[in-house]
Protein backbone atom coordinates (compact mmCIF):
# COMPACT_ATOMS: atom_id res chain seq x y z
CA MET A 1 -28.66 126.44 -112.37
CA ASP A 2 -28.20 122.68 -112.52
CA VAL A 3 -29.53 121.03 -109.39
CA ASP A 4 -29.71 117.21 -108.68
CA SER A 5 -32.73 116.09 -106.80
CA GLY A 6 -33.55 112.92 -105.06
CA ILE A 7 -31.90 110.74 -102.57
CA ASN A 8 -28.50 109.40 -103.45
CA ARG A 9 -28.24 105.87 -102.23
CA LYS A 10 -26.35 102.81 -103.21
CA LEU A 11 -28.24 99.65 -103.33
CA PRO A 12 -26.73 96.43 -102.08
CA PRO A 13 -25.45 94.02 -104.93
CA TRP A 14 -27.88 91.59 -106.26
CA ASP A 15 -27.37 88.16 -104.58
CA PRO A 16 -29.78 85.42 -105.72
CA ASP A 17 -28.44 83.20 -102.90
CA LEU A 18 -29.99 85.58 -100.25
CA ILE A 19 -33.44 85.27 -101.64
CA GLU A 20 -35.58 82.97 -99.67
CA ASP A 21 -38.53 81.14 -100.98
CA PRO A 22 -41.72 82.17 -99.22
CA PRO A 23 -43.00 79.37 -96.71
CA PRO A 24 -45.71 77.18 -98.36
CA ILE A 25 -49.33 78.07 -97.60
CA LYS A 26 -51.60 75.27 -96.72
CA LYS A 27 -54.66 75.10 -98.83
CA LYS A 28 -56.84 74.98 -95.75
CA ASN A 29 -55.46 78.45 -94.81
CA ILE A 30 -56.87 79.97 -98.06
CA PHE A 31 -60.67 81.07 -98.11
CA THR A 32 -61.36 81.14 -101.78
CA VAL A 33 -64.11 83.63 -103.04
CA LEU A 34 -64.83 83.53 -106.67
CA VAL A 35 -67.38 86.00 -108.47
CA ASN A 36 -68.56 84.96 -112.01
CA SER A 37 -69.84 87.10 -114.75
CA ASN A 38 -73.46 86.37 -113.73
CA ASP A 39 -72.75 87.85 -110.34
CA ARG A 40 -72.74 84.56 -108.61
CA LEU A 41 -70.48 83.83 -105.64
CA LEU A 42 -68.66 80.57 -105.36
CA VAL A 43 -67.16 80.38 -101.97
CA GLU A 44 -64.98 77.26 -100.98
CA ASP A 45 -66.49 75.59 -104.05
CA GLU A 46 -69.96 76.16 -102.94
CA TYR A 47 -72.52 78.82 -104.31
CA MET A 48 -73.29 81.34 -101.62
CA ASP A 49 -75.55 84.34 -101.28
CA ILE A 50 -73.83 87.50 -100.56
CA LYS A 51 -75.78 87.69 -97.33
CA ASP A 52 -73.92 84.73 -95.99
CA LEU A 53 -70.39 85.80 -96.94
CA ARG A 54 -69.59 87.84 -93.73
CA GLU A 55 -70.59 84.85 -91.48
CA ALA A 56 -68.75 82.36 -93.48
CA THR A 57 -65.51 84.64 -93.61
CA ILE A 58 -65.82 84.95 -89.87
CA ARG A 59 -65.98 81.16 -89.38
CA PHE A 60 -62.93 80.74 -91.38
CA LEU A 61 -60.90 83.55 -89.80
CA ASP A 62 -61.95 82.50 -86.17
CA ASN A 63 -61.63 78.66 -86.79
CA ASN A 64 -58.44 78.09 -84.66
CA GLY A 65 -57.71 74.80 -86.38
CA ASP A 66 -54.23 74.29 -84.75
CA GLY A 67 -55.42 75.46 -81.20
CA SER A 68 -52.89 78.22 -81.02
CA CYS A 69 -55.29 80.99 -80.71
CA THR A 70 -56.29 81.74 -77.27
CA TYR A 71 -58.94 84.34 -78.19
CA CYS A 72 -60.53 82.59 -81.19
CA GLN A 73 -64.06 81.31 -80.64
CA GLY A 74 -64.24 79.08 -83.68
CA LEU A 75 -65.12 75.24 -84.22
CA ARG A 76 -61.49 74.28 -84.48
CA SER A 77 -62.14 72.29 -87.58
CA PRO A 78 -58.97 70.77 -88.91
CA GLN A 79 -60.17 71.32 -92.46
CA SER A 80 -60.26 75.23 -92.08
CA SER A 81 -57.72 77.79 -91.00
CA ASP A 82 -55.04 77.09 -88.49
CA ASN A 83 -55.26 80.59 -86.94
CA PRO A 84 -56.17 84.20 -87.97
CA GLY A 85 -52.29 84.91 -88.54
CA LYS A 86 -52.23 82.27 -91.17
CA ALA A 87 -55.63 82.75 -92.70
CA ILE A 88 -55.83 84.37 -96.08
CA VAL A 89 -58.74 85.43 -98.08
CA SER A 90 -58.30 84.91 -101.74
CA LEU A 91 -60.81 86.91 -104.08
CA VAL A 92 -61.15 86.44 -107.81
CA ASN A 93 -63.60 88.40 -110.00
CA ASP A 94 -64.67 87.75 -113.51
CA ARG A 95 -64.18 90.73 -115.94
CA GLY A 96 -68.08 90.79 -116.31
CA THR A 97 -68.66 91.08 -112.67
CA SER A 98 -70.87 94.08 -111.83
CA TYR A 99 -69.30 97.00 -109.87
CA LYS A 100 -72.23 96.78 -107.44
CA LEU A 101 -71.49 93.18 -106.48
CA TYR A 102 -67.73 93.77 -106.61
CA ILE A 103 -68.06 96.57 -103.99
CA SER A 104 -70.64 94.45 -101.88
CA VAL A 105 -68.13 91.56 -101.69
CA GLN A 106 -65.34 93.94 -100.66
CA ASN A 107 -67.63 95.47 -97.96
CA GLU A 108 -68.60 91.96 -96.54
CA LEU A 109 -64.96 90.72 -96.40
CA ALA A 110 -63.84 93.89 -94.54
CA ALA A 111 -66.93 93.85 -92.25
CA ALA A 112 -65.95 90.20 -91.11
CA TYR A 113 -62.59 91.43 -90.01
CA ASN A 114 -64.27 94.51 -88.45
CA GLU A 115 -66.72 92.51 -86.65
CA LEU A 116 -63.97 90.16 -85.06
CA ARG A 117 -61.90 93.19 -84.24
CA ASP A 118 -64.91 94.89 -82.48
CA ARG A 119 -65.33 91.73 -80.55
CA GLU A 120 -61.90 91.78 -79.32
CA ALA A 121 -61.87 95.44 -78.54
CA GLN A 122 -64.91 94.88 -76.41
CA ARG A 123 -63.50 91.86 -74.55
CA LEU A 124 -60.19 93.55 -74.02
CA TYR A 125 -61.04 97.19 -73.37
CA GLY A 126 -64.82 97.30 -73.05
CA VAL A 127 -65.12 99.76 -76.12
CA ALA A 128 -65.75 99.55 -79.88
CA PHE A 129 -62.55 99.07 -82.16
CA ASP A 130 -63.00 102.67 -83.45
CA ASP A 131 -62.71 104.14 -79.95
CA LEU A 132 -59.38 102.60 -79.05
CA SER A 133 -56.14 104.51 -79.00
CA GLU A 134 -53.87 104.00 -82.11
CA ALA A 135 -51.66 101.48 -80.12
CA GLN A 136 -54.70 99.38 -78.87
CA GLN A 137 -56.13 99.38 -82.55
CA GLU A 138 -52.61 98.00 -83.73
CA GLU A 139 -52.79 95.37 -81.07
CA VAL A 140 -56.26 94.15 -82.04
CA GLN A 141 -55.37 94.48 -85.70
CA ASP A 142 -52.39 92.02 -85.07
CA MET A 143 -54.97 89.60 -83.58
CA TYR A 144 -56.83 89.54 -86.80
CA PRO A 145 -54.57 90.77 -89.51
CA GLN A 146 -56.48 91.46 -92.92
CA LYS A 147 -55.08 89.46 -95.44
CA ILE A 148 -57.02 89.74 -98.67
CA SER A 149 -55.37 88.67 -101.83
CA GLU A 150 -57.18 90.01 -104.80
CA ALA A 151 -56.13 88.50 -108.27
CA GLU A 152 -56.49 90.46 -111.64
CA PRO A 153 -59.93 89.96 -113.09
CA VAL A 154 -60.15 86.86 -115.16
CA ASN A 155 -62.68 85.35 -117.52
CA LEU A 156 -64.53 82.96 -115.22
CA GLY A 157 -67.66 82.75 -117.24
CA GLY A 158 -71.15 82.33 -115.91
C-alpha cells in the first residue's frame, strides 16, 4: 500500500522585496564576553574573573540607559544598554576553552537573568520566580528577555 505522509502545504512565492533588514543594533546594547584558550575571560574589553561575571551582566541588563524601563534599578549609564529588551549578551569561546569554564560562563550568564527575574517576581508577587504561575512567569520573562548570542567557537588564542 502506497501512503503519502506529511503535511501538504504550498509555501508563498519568494519575494525578495518583502524581506526587511533587521534594525541596527547599537554597540552599547551588546555585552561581549570572550573566553580564550587559556580560560581567561575578556568582558567588554577588560579581563574579568568568573566570580565577577554575574554582577557585571546584571549591571548591563538592568542599566536603563534610555530611561524607558520603569522597573530597572541600574545606573542609567549612556555607555551601557538602553533597556533589558534591547540588551544582548554575545558569547564567543575559543576552540581550546575548557568544558568546565564553558559551563561556568553559561551558568553565570543564566544566573544573572534568573536573579533579575527573581527580584521582579518578589516585587510584583511576593514569591520566587519558580513559584509563579506560567502566565506570571511569562510576564516576568518579558521584563528581562534572555538574549544570549553564542557564536561558533573560534581560535582566539591565549
